[in-house]
Amino acid sequence: MSTRHAARVAETKTAHIRPVRNAAIDGQIERVLRAREQIAQKINKGEEWMIPLLKRFNAEIEALEEKQDLIYQAAQIATHAAPTRAA
């Protein structure tokens, strides 16, 4: 079997990595979103002392979404690298 043929066979056998969303991070984002919604309702009712909490939750959501995007990006890179490795 030629090297080129072996590479093609290996490429077809390569397991493709499908990028999936990280359930743990999704759960964290949902939890923070719910808490932020409750805080926003309280602020709307006049409890302005909670504004720093709203700011903190906004920053936390942004950080979690960035982490999720990076995990997705890593999965995309790994998916494209797998066939290249086989060749």
Protein backbone atom coordinates (compact mmCIF):
# COMPACT_ATOMS: atom_id res chain seq x y z
CA MET A 1 0.00 0.00 0.00
CA SER A 2 1.43 3.35 -1.01
CA THR A 3 1.93 6.11 1.52
CA ARG A 4 -0.62 8.29 -0.24
CA HIS A 5 -3.22 5.51 -0.16
CA ALA A 6 -2.49 4.83 3.52
CA ALA A 7 -2.99 8.52 4.29
CA ARG A 8 -6.38 8.52 2.54
CA VAL A 9 -7.48 5.43 4.45
CA ALA A 10 -6.33 6.99 7.73
CA GLU A 11 -8.15 10.21 6.89
CA THR A 12 -11.46 8.42 6.40
CA LYS A 13 -11.00 6.62 9.71
CA THR A 14 -10.21 9.81 11.61
CA ALA A 15 -12.81 10.55 14.24
CA HIS A 16 -14.28 13.94 13.62
CA ILE A 17 -14.53 16.13 16.67
CA ARG A 18 -17.81 17.98 16.67
CA PRO A 19 -17.78 21.20 18.60
CA VAL A 20 -20.42 21.05 21.27
CA ARG A 21 -21.44 23.59 23.80
CA ASN A 22 -20.06 23.08 27.26
CA ALA A 23 -23.04 22.18 29.44
CA ALA A 24 -21.31 23.26 32.64
CA ILE A 25 -20.61 26.74 31.31
CA ASP A 26 -24.12 26.96 29.84
CA GLY A 27 -25.50 26.17 33.30
CA GLN A 28 -23.33 28.82 34.92
CA ILE A 29 -24.41 31.41 32.36
CA GLU A 30 -28.09 30.57 32.90
CA ARG A 31 -27.71 30.82 36.68
CA VAL A 32 -26.00 34.21 36.48
CA LEU A 33 -28.59 35.45 33.96
CA ARG A 34 -31.42 34.51 36.33
CA ALA A 35 -29.70 36.23 39.25
CA ARG A 36 -29.06 39.33 37.14
CA GLU A 37 -32.73 39.44 36.15
CA GLN A 38 -33.82 39.31 39.80
CA ILE A 39 -31.37 42.05 40.75
CA ALA A 40 -32.56 44.22 37.85
CA GLN A 41 -36.14 43.87 39.06
CA LYS A 42 -35.13 44.92 42.58
CA ILE A 43 -33.16 47.89 41.25
CA ASN A 44 -36.20 48.86 39.20
CA LYS A 45 -38.24 48.86 42.44
CA GLY A 46 -35.83 51.33 44.02
CA GLU A 47 -33.10 49.20 45.61
CA GLU A 48 -30.26 51.11 44.01
CA TRP A 49 -27.71 49.72 46.46
CA MET A 50 -27.72 46.56 44.27
CA ILE A 51 -26.25 48.35 41.24
CA PRO A 52 -22.69 47.10 42.01
CA LEU A 53 -24.04 43.52 41.99
CA LEU A 54 -25.59 44.09 38.57
CA LYS A 55 -22.26 45.40 37.32
CA ARG A 56 -20.46 42.34 38.73
CA PHE A 57 -22.93 39.92 37.15
CA ASN A 58 -22.61 41.66 33.78
CA ALA A 59 -18.83 41.21 33.95
CA GLU A 60 -19.20 37.56 34.98
CA ILE A 61 -21.56 36.83 32.09
CA GLU A 62 -19.12 38.44 29.68
CA ALA A 63 -16.23 36.35 31.06
CA LEU A 64 -18.22 33.10 30.87
CA GLU A 65 -19.32 33.81 27.31
CA GLU A 66 -15.72 34.56 26.32
CA LYS A 67 -14.59 31.28 27.89
CA GLN A 68 -17.33 29.42 26.03
CA ASP A 69 -16.27 31.05 22.74
CA LEU A 70 -12.65 30.02 23.31
CA ILE A 71 -13.66 26.42 24.03
CA TYR A 72 -15.71 26.40 20.82
CA GLN A 73 -12.77 27.91 18.90
CA ALA A 74 -10.43 25.23 20.28
CA ALA A 75 -12.86 22.52 19.15
CA GLN A 76 -12.98 24.06 15.67
CA ILE A 77 -9.19 24.13 15.46
CA ALA A 78 -8.97 20.53 16.65
CA THR A 79 -11.57 19.47 14.08
CA HIS A 80 -9.57 20.99 11.24
CA ALA A 81 -6.26 19.70 12.60
CA ALA A 82 -7.37 16.04 12.82
CA PRO A 83 -7.55 15.40 9.03
CA THR A 84 -4.27 17.26 8.49
CA ARG A 85 -2.51 15.06 11.04
CA ALA A 86 -3.63 11.93 9.21
CA ALA A 87 -2.18 13.11 5.90
